[in-house]
Amino acid sequence: MKNILQKSSRIFGVLVMLIILVSCEKDDLLLRDQIIGTWKSTNSYYKSYTFNKDNTFIDTAFYLPTDDPFYFEVYEIISGNLIPTPFYI
């Protein structure tokens, strides 16, 4: 009886973990679809963020070289992949 209870609790635990993993993956995909595009900051920092469908991003920082508040020049560009590559030792 104890053996059956242990097996059924293990199976139940595995099923719960599978459900959690599947639901998290769907949530991540929904979130990813919502942030695809270019976003610009509205605070005192002049930044632009672009998220692409292929899980890459571009983070661009601008600065004001003159007194004209509508003229920006690129200060720094950072690009990368949203899904980190595995780290192996």
Protein backbone atom coordinates (compact mmCIF):
# COMPACT_ATOMS: atom_id res chain seq x y z
CA MET A 1 0.00 0.00 0.00
CA LYS A 2 2.82 2.38 0.93
CA ASN A 3 4.55 1.62 -2.37
CA ILE A 4 1.42 2.42 -4.39
CA LEU A 5 0.94 5.68 -2.50
CA GLN A 6 4.55 6.71 -3.17
CA LYS A 7 4.25 5.93 -6.89
CA SER A 8 0.96 7.78 -7.23
CA SER A 9 2.36 10.83 -5.43
CA ARG A 10 5.40 10.83 -7.73
CA ILE A 11 3.18 10.59 -10.80
CA PHE A 12 1.01 13.40 -9.46
CA GLY A 13 4.11 15.53 -8.82
CA VAL A 14 5.41 14.94 -12.35
CA LEU A 15 2.02 15.85 -13.83
CA VAL A 16 1.89 19.08 -11.79
CA MET A 17 5.40 20.03 -12.95
CA LEU A 18 4.49 19.35 -16.58
CA ILE A 19 1.39 21.53 -16.29
CA ILE A 20 3.43 24.33 -14.73
CA LEU A 21 6.11 24.14 -17.42
CA VAL A 22 3.57 24.14 -20.25
CA SER A 23 1.65 27.08 -18.80
CA CYS A 24 4.85 29.10 -18.24
CA GLU A 25 5.92 28.56 -21.83
CA LYS A 26 2.59 29.89 -23.11
CA ASP A 27 2.83 32.93 -20.83
CA ASP A 28 6.36 33.65 -22.08
CA LEU A 29 5.19 33.45 -25.68
CA LEU A 30 2.27 35.80 -24.99
CA LEU A 31 4.57 38.28 -23.27
CA ARG A 32 7.11 38.05 -26.08
CA ASP A 33 4.42 38.82 -28.65
CA GLN A 34 3.33 41.87 -26.65
CA ILE A 35 6.78 43.46 -26.50
CA ILE A 36 7.79 42.90 -30.15
CA GLY A 37 8.55 46.29 -31.70
CA THR A 38 10.36 49.50 -30.86
CA TRP A 39 9.92 51.23 -27.52
CA LYS A 40 11.17 54.70 -26.66
CA SER A 41 11.69 56.07 -23.18
CA THR A 42 9.69 59.10 -22.09
CA ASN A 43 11.75 60.09 -19.06
CA SER A 44 14.94 62.13 -18.94
CA TYR A 45 16.98 59.30 -20.50
CA TYR A 46 16.92 59.17 -24.28
CA LYS A 47 16.77 55.47 -25.06
CA SER A 48 15.19 53.20 -27.61
CA TYR A 49 14.61 49.46 -27.26
CA THR A 50 13.79 47.17 -30.19
CA PHE A 51 12.65 43.60 -29.60
CA ASN A 52 12.54 41.33 -32.66
CA LYS A 53 10.61 38.11 -33.30
CA ASP A 54 13.85 36.13 -33.55
CA ASN A 55 14.57 36.82 -29.81
CA THR A 56 17.18 39.50 -30.52
CA PHE A 57 17.17 43.04 -29.17
CA ILE A 58 18.80 46.41 -29.82
CA ASP A 59 19.23 48.93 -26.99
CA THR A 60 20.15 52.39 -28.29
CA ALA A 61 21.17 55.38 -26.14
CA PHE A 62 21.05 58.91 -27.56
CA TYR A 63 22.35 62.29 -26.45
CA LEU A 64 21.54 65.92 -27.26
CA PRO A 65 24.58 67.56 -28.89
CA THR A 66 22.85 70.94 -29.20
CA ASP A 67 20.12 72.93 -27.49
CA ASP A 68 17.58 71.61 -29.99
CA PRO A 69 15.43 69.13 -27.97
CA PHE A 70 14.40 67.30 -31.16
CA TYR A 71 17.89 66.54 -32.50
CA PHE A 72 19.50 63.39 -31.10
CA GLU A 73 22.72 61.58 -31.94
CA VAL A 74 23.49 57.96 -31.14
CA TYR A 75 25.68 57.54 -28.07
CA GLU A 76 25.74 53.75 -27.68
CA ILE A 77 24.17 50.66 -29.24
CA ILE A 78 23.92 47.32 -27.45
CA SER A 79 22.49 44.27 -29.18
CA GLY A 80 22.05 40.69 -28.13
CA ASN A 81 19.88 37.66 -27.76
CA LEU A 82 17.01 37.49 -25.25
CA ILE A 83 17.54 33.77 -24.71
CA PRO A 84 21.00 33.29 -23.24
CA THR A 85 23.18 30.60 -24.70
CA PRO A 86 23.99 27.76 -22.31
CA PHE A 87 27.13 28.17 -20.27
CA TYR A 88 29.30 25.08 -20.17
CA ILE A 89 32.30 24.55 -17.94
